[in-house]
PDB file of N, CA and C in Angstrom:
ATOM      1  N   MET A   1     -62.228  45.713-127.036  1.00  0.00           N
ATOM      2  CA  MET A   1     -61.410  46.223-125.959  1.00  0.00           C
ATOM      3  C   MET A   1     -60.588  45.080-125.374  1.00  0.00           C
ATOM      4  N   PRO A   2     -59.264  45.244-125.283  1.00  0.00           N
ATOM      5  CA  PRO A   2     -58.430  44.158-124.779  1.00  0.00           C
ATOM      6  C   PRO A   2     -58.642  43.933-123.283  1.00  0.00           C
ATOM      7  N   ARG A   3     -58.375  42.733-122.887  1.00  0.00           N
ATOM      8  CA  ARG A   3     -58.492  42.365-121.483  1.00  0.00           C
ATOM      9  C   ARG A   3     -57.404  43.064-120.671  1.00  0.00           C
ATOM     10  N   PRO A   4     -57.709  43.581-119.476  1.00  0.00           N
ATOM     11  CA  PRO A   4     -56.679  44.253-118.680  1.00  0.00           C
ATOM     12  C   PRO A   4     -55.610  43.250-118.222  1.00  0.00           C
ATOM     13  N   ARG A   5     -54.369  43.722-118.186  1.00  0.00           N
ATOM     14  CA  ARG A   5     -53.265  42.867-117.774  1.00  0.00           C
ATOM     15  C   ARG A   5     -53.304  42.697-116.259  1.00  0.00           C
ATOM     16  N   LYS A   6     -53.072  41.473-115.818  1.00  0.00           N
ATOM     17  CA  LYS A   6     -53.110  41.172-114.398  1.00  0.00           C
ATOM     18  C   LYS A   6     -51.703  41.278-113.819  1.00  0.00           C
ATOM     19  N   GLY A   7     -51.555  42.034-112.745  1.00  0.00           N
ATOM     20  CA  GLY A   7     -50.263  42.161-112.083  1.00  0.00           C
ATOM     21  C   GLY A   7     -49.926  40.900-111.323  1.00  0.00           C
ATOM     22  N   LYS A   8     -48.749  40.351-111.586  1.00  0.00           N
ATOM     23  CA  LYS A   8     -48.299  39.157-110.883  1.00  0.00           C
ATOM     24  C   LYS A   8     -47.762  39.570-109.517  1.00  0.00           C
ATOM     25  N   LYS A   9     -48.049  38.793-108.488  1.00  0.00           N
ATOM     26  CA  LYS A   9     -47.572  39.099-107.143  1.00  0.00           C
ATOM     27  C   LYS A   9     -46.100  38.717-107.023  1.00  0.00           C
ATOM     28  N   VAL A  10     -45.313  39.651-106.496  1.00  0.00           N
ATOM     29  CA  VAL A  10     -43.877  39.456-106.340  1.00  0.00           C
ATOM     30  C   VAL A  10     -43.530  39.734-104.881  1.00  0.00           C
ATOM     31  N   CYS A  11     -42.756  38.842-104.297  1.00  0.00           N
ATOM     32  CA  CYS A  11     -42.387  38.970-102.885  1.00  0.00           C
ATOM     33  C   CYS A  11     -41.339  40.061-102.677  1.00  0.00           C
ATOM     34  N   CYS A  12     -40.297  40.067-103.483  1.00  0.00           N
ATOM     35  CA  CYS A  12     -39.217  41.022-103.260  1.00  0.00           C
ATOM     36  C   CYS A  12     -38.513  41.365-104.575  1.00  0.00           C
ATOM     37  N   LEU A  13     -37.838  42.486-104.569  1.00  0.00           N
ATOM     38  CA  LEU A  13     -37.084  42.938-105.743  1.00  0.00           C
ATOM     39  C   LEU A  13     -35.620  42.539-105.578  1.00  0.00           C
ATOM     40  N   PRO A  14     -34.905  42.390-106.686  1.00  0.00           N
ATOM     41  CA  PRO A  14     -33.487  42.023-106.572  1.00  0.00           C
ATOM     42  C   PRO A  14     -32.662  43.149-105.964  1.00  0.00           C
ATOM     43  N   ASP A  15     -31.572  42.777-105.292  1.00  0.00           N
ATOM     44  CA  ASP A  15     -30.674  43.782-104.720  1.00  0.00           C
ATOM     45  C   ASP A  15     -30.021  44.607-105.821  1.00  0.00           C
ATOM     46  N   SER A  16     -29.702  43.968-106.912  1.00  0.00           N
ATOM     47  CA  SER A  16     -29.095  44.638-108.053  1.00  0.00           C
ATOM     48  C   SER A  16     -29.933  44.309-109.277  1.00  0.00           C
ATOM     49  N   ASN A  17     -30.007  45.225-110.221  1.00  0.00           N
ATOM     50  CA  ASN A  17     -30.835  44.942-111.397  1.00  0.00           C
ATOM     51  C   ASN A  17     -30.019  44.825-112.680  1.00  0.00           C
ATOM     52  N   VAL A  18     -28.686  44.857-112.591  1.00  0.00           N
ATOM     53  CA  VAL A  18     -27.841  44.740-113.777  1.00  0.00           C
ATOM     54  C   VAL A  18     -26.781  43.674-113.531  1.00  0.00           C
ATOM     55  N   TYR A  19     -26.667  42.721-114.464  1.00  0.00           N
ATOM     56  CA  TYR A  19     -25.700  41.640-114.371  1.00  0.00           C
ATOM     57  C   TYR A  19     -25.011  41.494-115.725  1.00  0.00           C
ATOM     58  N   GLY A  20     -23.745  41.108-115.694  1.00  0.00           N
ATOM     59  CA  GLY A  20     -23.046  40.903-116.952  1.00  0.00           C
ATOM     60  C   GLY A  20     -21.592  40.562-116.741  1.00  0.00           C
ATOM     61  N   PRO A  21     -20.855  40.427-117.841  1.00  0.00           N
ATOM     62  CA  PRO A  21     -19.435  40.081-117.765  1.00  0.00           C
ATOM     63  C   PRO A  21     -18.641  41.155-117.018  1.00  0.00           C
ATOM     64  N   LEU A  22     -17.627  40.719-116.288  1.00  0.00           N
ATOM     65  CA  LEU A  22     -16.782  41.647-115.542  1.00  0.00           C
ATOM     66  C   LEU A  22     -15.721  42.294-116.423  1.00  0.00           C
ATOM     67  N   ASN A  23     -15.313  41.610-117.475  1.00  0.00           N
ATOM     68  CA  ASN A  23     -14.294  42.130-118.376  1.00  0.00           C
ATOM     69  C   ASN A  23     -14.969  43.005-119.436  1.00  0.00           C
ATOM     70  N   PRO A  24     -14.721  44.329-119.412  1.00  0.00           N
ATOM     71  CA  PRO A  24     -15.375  45.232-120.368  1.00  0.00           C
ATOM     72  C   PRO A  24     -15.096  44.879-121.830  1.00  0.00           C
ATOM     73  N   LYS A  25     -13.972  44.236-122.111  1.00  0.00           N
ATOM     74  CA  LYS A  25     -13.646  43.859-123.490  1.00  0.00           C
ATOM     75  C   LYS A  25     -14.540  42.737-124.001  1.00  0.00           C
ATOM     76  N   GLN A  26     -15.131  41.968-123.071  1.00  0.00           N
ATOM     77  CA  GLN A  26     -15.969  40.837-123.460  1.00  0.00           C
ATOM     78  C   GLN A  26     -17.449  41.189-123.556  1.00  0.00           C
ATOM     79  N   VAL A  27     -17.823  42.372-123.124  1.00  0.00           N
ATOM     80  CA  VAL A  27     -19.239  42.743-123.090  1.00  0.00           C
ATOM     81  C   VAL A  27     -19.776  42.966-124.496  1.00  0.00           C
ATOM     82  N   ASN A  28     -20.832  42.256-124.816  1.00  0.00           N
ATOM     83  CA  ASN A  28     -21.557  42.453-126.061  1.00  0.00           C
ATOM     84  C   ASN A  28     -22.367  43.739-125.888  1.00  0.00           C
ATOM     85  N   SER A  29     -22.542  44.496-126.942  1.00  0.00           N
ATOM     86  CA  SER A  29     -23.272  45.767-126.828  1.00  0.00           C
ATOM     87  C   SER A  29     -24.767  45.574-126.597  1.00  0.00           C
ATOM     88  N   LYS A  30     -25.247  44.358-126.789  1.00  0.00           N
ATOM     89  CA  LYS A  30     -26.670  44.079-126.624  1.00  0.00           C
ATOM     90  C   LYS A  30     -27.031  43.974-125.135  1.00  0.00           C
ATOM     91  N   ILE A  31     -28.133  44.612-124.740  1.00  0.00           N
ATOM     92  CA  ILE A  31     -28.651  44.513-123.384  1.00  0.00           C
ATOM     93  C   ILE A  31     -29.938  43.697-123.437  1.00  0.00           C
ATOM     94  N   ILE A  32     -30.022  42.688-122.589  1.00  0.00           N
ATOM     95  CA  ILE A  32     -31.205  41.845-122.512  1.00  0.00           C
ATOM     96  C   ILE A  32     -32.029  42.305-121.317  1.00  0.00           C
ATOM     97  N   PHE A  33     -33.294  42.582-121.543  1.00  0.00           N
ATOM     98  CA  PHE A  33     -34.171  43.057-120.483  1.00  0.00           C
ATOM     99  C   PHE A  33     -35.040  41.909-119.977  1.00  0.00           C
ATOM    100  N   MET A  34     -35.012  41.714-118.662  1.00  0.00           N
ATOM    101  CA  MET A  34     -35.826  40.699-117.997  1.00  0.00           C
ATOM    102  C   MET A  34     -36.806  41.427-117.077  1.00  0.00           C
ATOM    103  N   SER A  35     -38.069  41.035-117.135  1.00  0.00           N
ATOM    104  CA  SER A  35     -39.070  41.681-116.280  1.00  0.00           C
ATOM    105  C   SER A  35     -38.931  41.171-114.844  1.00  0.00           C
ATOM    106  N   VAL A  36     -39.508  41.911-113.917  1.00  0.00           N
ATOM    107  CA  VAL A  36     -39.451  41.540-112.507  1.00  0.00           C
ATOM    108  C   VAL A  36     -40.170  40.216-112.274  1.00  0.00           C
ATOM    109  N   GLU A  37     -41.272  39.982-112.967  1.00  0.00           N
ATOM    110  CA  GLU A  37     -41.972  38.710-112.770  1.00  0.00           C
ATOM    111  C   GLU A  37     -41.176  37.528-113.327  1.00  0.00           C
ATOM    112  N   GLU A  38     -40.381  37.741-114.375  1.00  0.00           N
ATOM    113  CA  GLU A  38     -39.490  36.682-114.864  1.00  0.00           C
ATOM    114  C   GLU A  38     -38.412  36.385-113.826  1.00  0.00           C
ATOM    115  N   TYR A  39     -37.875  37.432-113.219  1.00  0.00           N
ATOM    116  CA  TYR A  39     -36.896  37.263-112.138  1.00  0.00           C
ATOM    117  C   TYR A  39     -37.512  36.467-110.990  1.00  0.00           C
ATOM    118  N   GLU A  40     -38.745  36.801-110.609  1.00  0.00           N
ATOM    119  CA  GLU A  40     -39.411  36.121-109.496  1.00  0.00           C
ATOM    120  C   GLU A  40     -39.646  34.654-109.814  1.00  0.00           C
ATOM    121  N   ALA A  41     -40.019  34.332-111.045  1.00  0.00           N
ATOM    122  CA  ALA A  41     -40.225  32.936-111.427  1.00  0.00           C
ATOM    123  C   ALA A  41     -38.917  32.146-111.329  1.00  0.00           C
ATOM    124  N   ILE A  42     -37.821  32.718-111.801  1.00  0.00           N
ATOM    125  CA  ILE A  42     -36.505  32.064-111.689  1.00  0.00           C
ATOM    126  C   ILE A  42     -36.147  31.863-110.218  1.00  0.00           C
ATOM    127  N   ARG A  43     -36.381  32.891-109.404  1.00  0.00           N
ATOM    128  CA  ARG A  43     -36.044  32.815-107.978  1.00  0.00           C
ATOM    129  C   ARG A  43     -36.847  31.719-107.283  1.00  0.00           C
ATOM    130  N   LEU A  44     -38.150  31.696-107.529  1.00  0.00           N
ATOM    131  CA  LEU A  44     -38.992  30.719-106.847  1.00  0.00           C
ATOM    132  C   LEU A  44     -38.736  29.287-107.307  1.00  0.00           C
ATOM    133  N   ILE A  45     -38.610  29.089-108.612  1.00  0.00           N
ATOM    134  CA  ILE A  45     -38.477  27.729-109.134  1.00  0.00           C
ATOM    135  C   ILE A  45     -37.049  27.197-108.995  1.00  0.00           C
ATOM    136  N   ASP A  46     -36.052  27.969-109.396  1.00  0.00           N
ATOM    137  CA  ASP A  46     -34.682  27.467-109.374  1.00  0.00           C
ATOM    138  C   ASP A  46     -33.995  27.610-108.019  1.00  0.00           C
ATOM    139  N   LEU A  47     -34.208  28.711-107.322  1.00  0.00           N
ATOM    140  CA  LEU A  47     -33.528  28.937-106.053  1.00  0.00           C
ATOM    141  C   LEU A  47     -34.310  28.357-104.873  1.00  0.00           C
ATOM    142  N   GLU A  48     -35.590  28.664-104.801  1.00  0.00           N
ATOM    143  CA  GLU A  48     -36.408  28.205-103.680  1.00  0.00           C
ATOM    144  C   GLU A  48     -36.951  26.789-103.894  1.00  0.00           C
ATOM    145  N   LYS A  49     -36.773  26.226-105.091  1.00  0.00           N
ATOM    146  CA  LYS A  49     -37.165  24.847-105.428  1.00  0.00           C
ATOM    147  C   LYS A  49     -38.676  24.620-105.361  1.00  0.00           C
ATOM    148  N   PHE A  50     -39.464  25.637-105.698  1.00  0.00           N
ATOM    149  CA  PHE A  50     -40.907  25.474-105.777  1.00  0.00           C
ATOM    150  C   PHE A  50     -41.250  24.809-107.107  1.00  0.00           C
ATOM    151  N   THR A  51     -42.369  24.100-107.136  1.00  0.00           N
ATOM    152  CA  THR A  51     -42.869  23.587-108.401  1.00  0.00           C
ATOM    153  C   THR A  51     -43.536  24.743-109.146  1.00  0.00           C
ATOM    154  N   GLN A  52     -43.825  24.536-110.420  1.00  0.00           N
ATOM    155  CA  GLN A  52     -44.535  25.576-111.165  1.00  0.00           C
ATOM    156  C   GLN A  52     -45.917  25.821-110.564  1.00  0.00           C
ATOM    157  N   GLU A  53     -46.532  24.793-110.053  1.00  0.00           N
ATOM    158  CA  GLU A  53     -47.846  24.928-109.403  1.00  0.00           C
ATOM    159  C   GLU A  53     -47.743  25.812-108.161  1.00  0.00           C
ATOM    160  N   GLU A  54     -46.750  25.556-107.319  1.00  0.00           N
ATOM    161  CA  GLU A  54     -46.558  26.369-106.110  1.00  0.00           C
ATOM    162  C   GLU A  54     -46.210  27.809-106.468  1.00  0.00           C
ATOM    163  N   CYS A  55     -45.381  27.959-107.495  1.00  0.00           N
ATOM    164  CA  CYS A  55     -44.998  29.289-107.963  1.00  0.00           C
ATOM    165  C   CYS A  55     -46.224  30.049-108.453  1.00  0.00           C
ATOM    166  N   SER A  56     -47.098  29.381-109.181  1.00  0.00           N
ATOM    167  CA  SER A  56     -48.305  30.049-109.687  1.00  0.00           C
ATOM    168  C   SER A  56     -49.212  30.485-108.541  1.00  0.00           C
ATOM    169  N   GLU A  57     -49.276  29.690-107.470  1.00  0.00           N
ATOM    170  CA  GLU A  57     -50.073  30.072-106.303  1.00  0.00           C
ATOM    171  C   GLU A  57     -49.472  31.304-105.633  1.00  0.00           C
ATOM    172  N   ARG A  58     -48.151  31.349-105.503  1.00  0.00           N
ATOM    173  CA  ARG A  58     -47.487  32.494-104.864  1.00  0.00           C
ATOM    174  C   ARG A  58     -47.663  33.774-105.677  1.00  0.00           C
ATOM    175  N   MET A  59     -47.573  33.647-106.999  1.00  0.00           N
ATOM    176  CA  MET A  59     -47.670  34.826-107.857  1.00  0.00           C
ATOM    177  C   MET A  59     -49.110  35.131-108.267  1.00  0.00           C
ATOM    178  N   GLN A  60     -50.034  34.257-107.877  1.00  0.00           N
ATOM    179  CA  GLN A  60     -51.464  34.429-108.111  1.00  0.00           C
ATOM    180  C   GLN A  60     -51.827  34.558-109.587  1.00  0.00           C
ATOM    181  N   VAL A  61     -51.266  33.649-110.384  1.00  0.00           N
ATOM    182  CA  VAL A  61     -51.600  33.545-111.809  1.00  0.00           C
ATOM    183  C   VAL A  61     -51.719  32.063-112.170  1.00  0.00           C
ATOM    184  N   ALA A  62     -52.174  31.769-113.370  1.00  0.00           N
ATOM    185  CA  ALA A  62     -52.331  30.390-113.814  1.00  0.00           C
ATOM    186  C   ALA A  62     -50.975  29.708-114.007  1.00  0.00           C
ATOM    187  N   ARG A  63     -50.962  28.387-113.837  1.00  0.00           N
ATOM    188  CA  ARG A  63     -49.724  27.631-114.012  1.00  0.00           C
ATOM    189  C   ARG A  63     -49.178  27.770-115.430  1.00  0.00           C
ATOM    190  N   THR A  64     -50.047  27.832-116.406  1.00  0.00           N
ATOM    191  CA  THR A  64     -49.577  27.987-117.792  1.00  0.00           C
ATOM    192  C   THR A  64     -48.896  29.333-117.996  1.00  0.00           C
ATOM    193  N   THR A  65     -49.353  30.352-117.272  1.00  0.00           N
ATOM    194  CA  THR A  65     -48.707  31.669-117.335  1.00  0.00           C
ATOM    195  C   THR A  65     -47.308  31.581-116.745  1.00  0.00           C
ATOM    196  N   ILE A  66     -47.166  30.893-115.619  1.00  0.00           N
ATOM    197  CA  ILE A  66     -45.847  30.711-114.994  1.00  0.00           C
ATOM    198  C   ILE A  66     -44.931  29.934-115.922  1.00  0.00           C
ATOM    199  N   GLN A  67     -45.463  28.926-116.578  1.00  0.00           N
ATOM    200  CA  GLN A  67     -44.663  28.129-117.510  1.00  0.00           C
ATOM    201  C   GLN A  67     -44.100  29.018-118.625  1.00  0.00           C
ATOM    202  N   ARG A  68     -44.920  29.909-119.161  1.00  0.00           N
ATOM    203  CA  ARG A  68     -44.476  30.824-120.215  1.00  0.00           C
ATOM    204  C   ARG A  68     -43.442  31.813-119.682  1.00  0.00           C
ATOM    205  N   ILE A  69     -43.725  32.408-118.515  1.00  0.00           N
ATOM    206  CA  ILE A  69     -42.807  33.383-117.920  1.00  0.00           C
ATOM    207  C   ILE A  69     -41.461  32.733-117.628  1.00  0.00           C
ATOM    208  N   TYR A  70     -41.486  31.544-117.033  1.00  0.00           N
ATOM    209  CA  TYR A  70     -40.262  30.823-116.669  1.00  0.00           C
ATOM    210  C   TYR A  70     -39.440  30.448-117.900  1.00  0.00           C
ATOM    211  N   SER A  71     -40.113  30.000-118.941  1.00  0.00           N
ATOM    212  CA  SER A  71     -39.422  29.638-120.180  1.00  0.00           C
ATOM    213  C   SER A  71     -38.734  30.857-120.801  1.00  0.00           C
ATOM    214  N   ASN A  72     -39.433  31.984-120.833  1.00  0.00           N
ATOM    215  CA  ASN A  72     -38.843  33.224-121.364  1.00  0.00           C
ATOM    216  C   ASN A  72     -37.656  33.668-120.521  1.00  0.00           C
ATOM    217  N   ALA A  73     -37.778  33.565-119.202  1.00  0.00           N
ATOM    218  CA  ALA A  73     -36.699  33.986-118.300  1.00  0.00           C
ATOM    219  C   ALA A  73     -35.453  33.128-118.498  1.00  0.00           C
ATOM    220  N   ARG A  74     -35.628  31.834-118.598  1.00  0.00           N
ATOM    221  CA  ARG A  74     -34.468  30.940-118.785  1.00  0.00           C
ATOM    222  C   ARG A  74     -33.783  31.210-120.118  1.00  0.00           C
ATOM    223  N   ALA A  75     -34.552  31.492-121.152  1.00  0.00           N
ATOM    224  CA  ALA A  75     -33.955  31.801-122.454  1.00  0.00           C
ATOM    225  C   ALA A  75     -33.124  33.081-122.368  1.00  0.00           C
ATOM    226  N   LYS A  76     -33.600  34.065-121.627  1.00  0.00           N
ATOM    227  CA  LYS A  76     -32.863  35.325-121.481  1.00  0.00           C
ATOM    228  C   LYS A  76     -31.581  35.135-120.678  1.00  0.00           C
ATOM    229  N   VAL A  77     -31.642  34.343-119.618  1.00  0.00           N
ATOM    230  CA  VAL A  77     -30.434  34.060-118.827  1.00  0.00           C
ATOM    231  C   VAL A  77     -29.418  33.312-119.681  1.00  0.00           C
ATOM    232  N   ALA A  78     -29.867  32.337-120.439  1.00  0.00           N
ATOM    233  CA  ALA A  78     -28.968  31.570-121.300  1.00  0.00           C
ATOM    234  C   ALA A  78     -28.315  32.466-122.357  1.00  0.00           C
ATOM    235  N   GLU A  79     -29.095  33.318-122.984  1.00  0.00           N
ATOM    236  CA  GLU A  79     -28.539  34.214-123.997  1.00  0.00           C
ATOM    237  C   GLU A  79     -27.503  35.151-123.379  1.00  0.00           C
ATOM    238  N   SER A  80     -27.795  35.655-122.204  1.00  0.00           N
ATOM    239  CA  SER A  80     -26.868  36.555-121.519  1.00  0.00           C
ATOM    240  C   SER A  80     -25.549  35.853-121.205  1.00  0.00           C
ATOM    241  N   LEU A  81     -25.620  34.626-120.706  1.00  0.00           N
ATOM    242  CA  LEU A  81     -24.415  33.878-120.356  1.00  0.00           C
ATOM    243  C   LEU A  81     -23.599  33.478-121.586  1.00  0.00           C
ATOM    244  N   VAL A  82     -24.256  32.943-122.571  1.00  0.00           N
ATOM    245  CA  VAL A  82     -23.562  32.418-123.750  1.00  0.00           C
ATOM    246  C   VAL A  82     -22.992  33.529-124.624  1.00  0.00           C
ATOM    247  N   ASN A  83     -23.736  34.622-124.789  1.00  0.00           N
ATOM    248  CA  ASN A  83     -23.309  35.682-125.697  1.00  0.00           C
ATOM    249  C   ASN A  83     -22.681  36.886-124.991  1.00  0.00           C
ATOM    250  N   SER A  84     -22.369  36.756-123.703  1.00  0.00           N
ATOM    251  CA  SER A  84     -21.729  37.825-122.918  1.00  0.00           C
ATOM    252  C   SER A  84     -22.496  39.148-123.002  1.00  0.00           C
ATOM    253  N   CYS A  85     -23.798  39.062-122.836  1.00  0.00           N
ATOM    254  CA  CYS A  85     -24.647  40.259-122.862  1.00  0.00           C
ATOM    255  C   CYS A  85     -24.960  40.701-121.439  1.00  0.00           C
ATOM    256  N   VAL A  86     -25.238  41.973-121.291  1.00  0.00           N
ATOM    257  CA  VAL A  86     -25.679  42.512-120.010  1.00  0.00           C
ATOM    258  C   VAL A  86     -27.153  42.154-119.833  1.00  0.00           C
ATOM    259  N   LEU A  87     -27.501  41.690-118.629  1.00  0.00           N
ATOM    260  CA  LEU A  87     -28.878  41.349-118.295  1.00  0.00           C
ATOM    261  C   LEU A  87     -29.388  42.400-117.316  1.00  0.00           C
ATOM    262  N   LYS A  88     -30.484  43.060-117.679  1.00  0.00           N
ATOM    263  CA  LYS A  88     -31.035  44.128-116.841  1.00  0.00           C
ATOM    264  C   LYS A  88     -32.460  43.758-116.455  1.00  0.00           C
ATOM    265  N   ILE A  89     -32.744  43.804-115.148  1.00  0.00           N
ATOM    266  CA  ILE A  89     -34.060  43.457-114.629  1.00  0.00           C
ATOM    267  C   ILE A  89     -34.822  44.744-114.351  1.00  0.00           C
ATOM    268  N   GLU A  90     -35.940  44.903-115.065  1.00  0.00           N
ATOM    269  CA  GLU A  90     -36.762  46.088-114.856  1.00  0.00           C
ATOM    270  C   GLU A  90     -38.122  45.904-115.502  1.00  0.00           C
ATOM    271  N   GLY A  91     -39.093  46.632-114.992  1.00  0.00           N
ATOM    272  CA  GLY A  91     -40.418  46.684-115.596  1.00  0.00           C
ATOM    273  C   GLY A  91     -41.226  45.414-115.436  1.00  0.00           C
ATOM    274  N   GLY A  92     -42.344  45.388-116.120  1.00  0.00           N
ATOM    275  CA  GLY A  92     -43.236  44.252-116.085  1.00  0.00           C
ATOM    276  C   GLY A  92     -44.563  44.606-115.440  1.00  0.00           C
ATOM    277  N   ASP A  93     -45.430  43.630-115.379  1.00  0.00           N
ATOM    278  CA  ASP A  93     -46.752  43.793-114.765  1.00  0.00           C
ATOM    279  C   ASP A  93     -46.742  43.053-113.431  1.00  0.00           C
ATOM    280  N   TYR A  94     -46.289  43.712-112.391  1.00  0.00           N
ATOM    281  CA  TYR A  94     -46.184  43.061-111.090  1.00  0.00           C
ATOM    282  C   TYR A  94     -46.675  43.980-109.981  1.00  0.00           C
ATOM    283  N   GLN A  95     -46.975  43.355-108.851  1.00  0.00           N
ATOM    284  CA  GLN A  95     -47.358  44.068-107.630  1.00  0.00           C
ATOM    285  C   GLN A  95     -46.594  43.414-106.483  1.00  0.00           C
ATOM    286  N   LEU A  96     -45.990  44.228-105.627  1.00  0.00           N
ATOM    287  CA  LEU A  96     -45.342  43.686-104.439  1.00  0.00           C
ATOM    288  C   LEU A  96     -46.404  43.277-103.431  1.00  0.00           C
ATOM    289  N   TYR A  97     -46.108  42.257-102.654  1.00  0.00           N
ATOM    290  CA  TYR A  97     -47.027  41.851-101.598  1.00  0.00           C
ATOM    291  C   TYR A  97     -47.273  43.021-100.661  1.00  0.00           C
ATOM    292  N   SER A  98     -48.516  43.203-100.255  1.00  0.00           N
ATOM    293  CA  SER A  98     -48.843  44.230 -99.264  1.00  0.00           C
ATOM    294  C   SER A  98     -48.453  43.693 -97.886  1.00  0.00           C
ATOM    295  N   GLU A  99     -48.539  44.548 -96.879  1.00  0.00           N
ATOM    296  CA  GLU A  99     -48.198  44.128 -95.508  1.00  0.00           C
ATOM    297  C   GLU A  99     -49.109  42.984 -95.052  1.00  0.00           C
ATOM    298  N   LEU A 100     -50.370  43.005 -95.451  1.00  0.00           N
ATOM    299  CA  LEU A 100     -51.301  41.941 -95.067  1.00  0.00           C
ATOM    300  C   LEU A 100     -50.972  40.622 -95.760  1.00  0.00           C
ATOM    301  N   GLU A 101     -50.328  40.708 -96.931  1.00  0.00           N
ATOM    302  CA  GLU A 101     -50.001  39.508 -97.702  1.00  0.00           C
ATOM    303  C   GLU A 101     -48.604  38.968 -97.396  1.00  0.00           C
ATOM    304  N   LYS A 102     -47.833  39.627 -96.550  1.00  0.00           N
ATOM    305  CA  LYS A 102     -46.467  39.187 -96.244  1.00  0.00           C
ATOM    306  C   LYS A 102     -46.394  37.724 -95.816  1.00  0.00           C
ATOM    307  N   PRO A 103     -47.358  37.219 -95.011  1.00  0.00           N
ATOM    308  CA  PRO A 103     -47.287  35.796 -94.647  1.00  0.00           C
ATOM    309  C   PRO A 103     -47.374  34.864 -95.855  1.00  0.00           C
ATOM    310  N   LEU A 104     -47.925  35.342 -96.967  1.00  0.00           N
ATOM    311  CA  LEU A 104     -48.001  34.535 -98.181  1.00  0.00           C
ATOM    312  C   LEU A 104     -46.683  34.534 -98.945  1.00  0.00           C
ATOM    313  N   GLY A 105     -45.797  35.457 -98.629  1.00  0.00           N
ATOM    314  CA  GLY A 105     -44.501  35.553 -99.300  1.00  0.00           C
ATOM    315  C   GLY A 105     -43.636  34.366 -98.955  1.00  0.00           C
ATOM    316  N   CYS A 106     -42.429  34.387 -99.444  1.00  0.00           N
ATOM    317  CA  CYS A 106     -41.546  33.241 -99.237  1.00  0.00           C
ATOM    318  C   CYS A 106     -41.164  33.079 -97.776  1.00  0.00           C
ATOM    319  N   GLY A 107     -41.150  34.182 -97.014  1.00  0.00           N
ATOM    320  CA  GLY A 107     -40.808  34.091 -95.607  1.00  0.00           C
ATOM    321  C   GLY A 107     -39.337  33.832 -95.353  1.00  0.00           C
ATOM    322  N   ARG A 108     -38.578  33.665 -96.426  1.00  0.00           N
ATOM    323  CA  ARG A 108     -37.163  33.350 -96.283  1.00  0.00           C
ATOM    324  C   ARG A 108     -36.294  34.331 -97.046  1.00  0.00           C
ATOM    325  N   CYS A 109     -36.834  35.498 -97.354  1.00  0.00           N
ATOM    326  CA  CYS A 109     -36.064  36.452 -98.132  1.00  0.00           C
ATOM    327  C   CYS A 109     -34.760  36.790 -97.424  1.00  0.00           C
ATOM    328  N   ARG A 110     -33.702  36.646 -98.137  1.00  0.00           N
ATOM    329  CA  ARG A 110     -32.395  36.973 -97.601  1.00  0.00           C
ATOM    330  C   ARG A 110     -32.228  38.490 -97.583  1.00  0.00           C
ATOM    331  N   ARG A 111     -31.496  38.970 -96.628  1.00  0.00           N
ATOM    332  CA  ARG A 111     -31.152  40.387 -96.519  1.00  0.00           C
ATOM    333  C   ARG A 111     -32.392  41.276 -96.407  1.00  0.00           C
ATOM    334  N   SER A 112     -33.493  40.748 -95.912  1.00  0.00           N
ATOM    335  CA  SER A 112     -34.723  41.533 -95.690  1.00  0.00           C
ATOM    336  C   SER A 112     -35.115  42.357 -96.911  1.00  0.00           C
ATOM    337  N   ARG A 113     -35.206  41.727 -98.069  1.00  0.00           N
ATOM    338  CA  ARG A 113     -35.494  42.438 -99.312  1.00  0.00           C
ATOM    339  C   ARG A 113     -36.969  42.672 -99.558  1.00  0.00           C
ATOM    340  N   CYS A 114     -37.845  41.994 -98.862  1.00  0.00           N
ATOM    341  CA  CYS A 114     -39.279  42.068 -99.157  1.00  0.00           C
ATOM    342  C   CYS A 114     -39.774  43.504 -99.174  1.00  0.00           C
ATOM    343  N   GLY A 115     -40.278  43.930-100.308  1.00  0.00           N
ATOM    344  CA  GLY A 115     -40.902  45.231-100.434  1.00  0.00           C
ATOM    345  C   GLY A 115     -39.953  46.410-100.441  1.00  0.00           C
ATOM    346  N   ARG A 116     -38.669  46.159-100.323  1.00  0.00           N
ATOM    347  CA  ARG A 116     -37.720  47.262-100.273  1.00  0.00           C
ATOM    348  C   ARG A 116     -37.364  47.701-101.686  1.00  0.00           C
ATOM    349  N   ARG A 117     -37.372  48.977-101.921  1.00  0.00           N
ATOM    350  CA  ARG A 117     -36.968  49.511-103.220  1.00  0.00           C
ATOM    351  C   ARG A 117     -35.453  49.537-103.304  1.00  0.00           C
ATOM    352  N   ARG A 118     -34.938  49.311-104.459  1.00  0.00           N
ATOM    353  CA  ARG A 118     -33.487  49.338-104.653  1.00  0.00           C
ATOM    354  C   ARG A 118     -33.095  50.546-105.473  1.00  0.00           C
ATOM    355  N   LYS A 119     -31.830  50.865-105.404  1.00  0.00           N
ATOM    356  CA  LYS A 119     -31.312  51.957-106.221  1.00  0.00           C
ATOM    357  C   LYS A 119     -31.210  51.465-107.657  1.00  0.00           C
ATOM    358  N   ASP A 120     -31.484  52.338-108.589  1.00  0.00           N
ATOM    359  CA  ASP A 120     -31.365  51.996-110.008  1.00  0.00           C
ATOM    360  C   ASP A 120     -29.901  52.143-110.410  1.00  0.00           C
ATOM    361  N   THR A 121     -29.359  51.088-110.996  1.00  0.00           N
ATOM    362  CA  THR A 121     -27.956  51.109-111.408  1.00  0.00           C
ATOM    363  C   THR A 121     -27.878  51.139-112.922  1.00  0.00           C
ATOM    364  N   THR A 122     -28.430  52.176-113.511  1.00  0.00           N
ATOM    365  CA  THR A 122     -28.505  52.258-114.965  1.00  0.00           C
ATOM    366  C   THR A 122     -27.217  52.763-115.610  1.00  0.00           C
ATOM    367  N   ASN A 123     -26.212  53.115-114.827  1.00  0.00           N
ATOM    368  CA  ASN A 123     -24.979  53.647-115.405  1.00  0.00           C
ATOM    369  C   ASN A 123     -24.052  52.555-115.908  1.00  0.00           C
ATOM    370  N   PHE A 124     -24.429  51.295-115.776  1.00  0.00           N
ATOM    371  CA  PHE A 124     -23.588  50.188-116.213  1.00  0.00           C
ATOM    372  C   PHE A 124     -23.603  50.072-117.733  1.00  0.00           C
ATOM    373  N   LYS A 125     -22.449  50.062-118.363  1.00  0.00           N
ATOM    374  CA  LYS A 125     -22.374  49.887-119.822  1.00  0.00           C
ATOM    375  C   LYS A 125     -21.216  49.006-120.162  1.00  0.00           C
TER     376      LYS A 125
END
């Protein structure tokens, strides 16, 4: 029996879940899917300037897990930028911080995004 997957703790969801080239003629037909926990690792490490150790504490997983997630996320962002692919953030094994865990969150979420659900923008092609 396989080990159950552990949900990574995520402070907030992105305002938009689809990113890509603005010029429709340049859009590659390939869509790259990034999980919510990959998005959170990029946000914490690159934007908030946390170390991988601090990021692992926030997401409540091992540092080696964060290292793998972060590496996969950066590869997806690079592929999207270089090959003009649409990047879509969805799915994954994550849990939003509960109200009791909010003090453990980043505390600096812009636009009050913590725990707020966003509209799905799946009509982008």
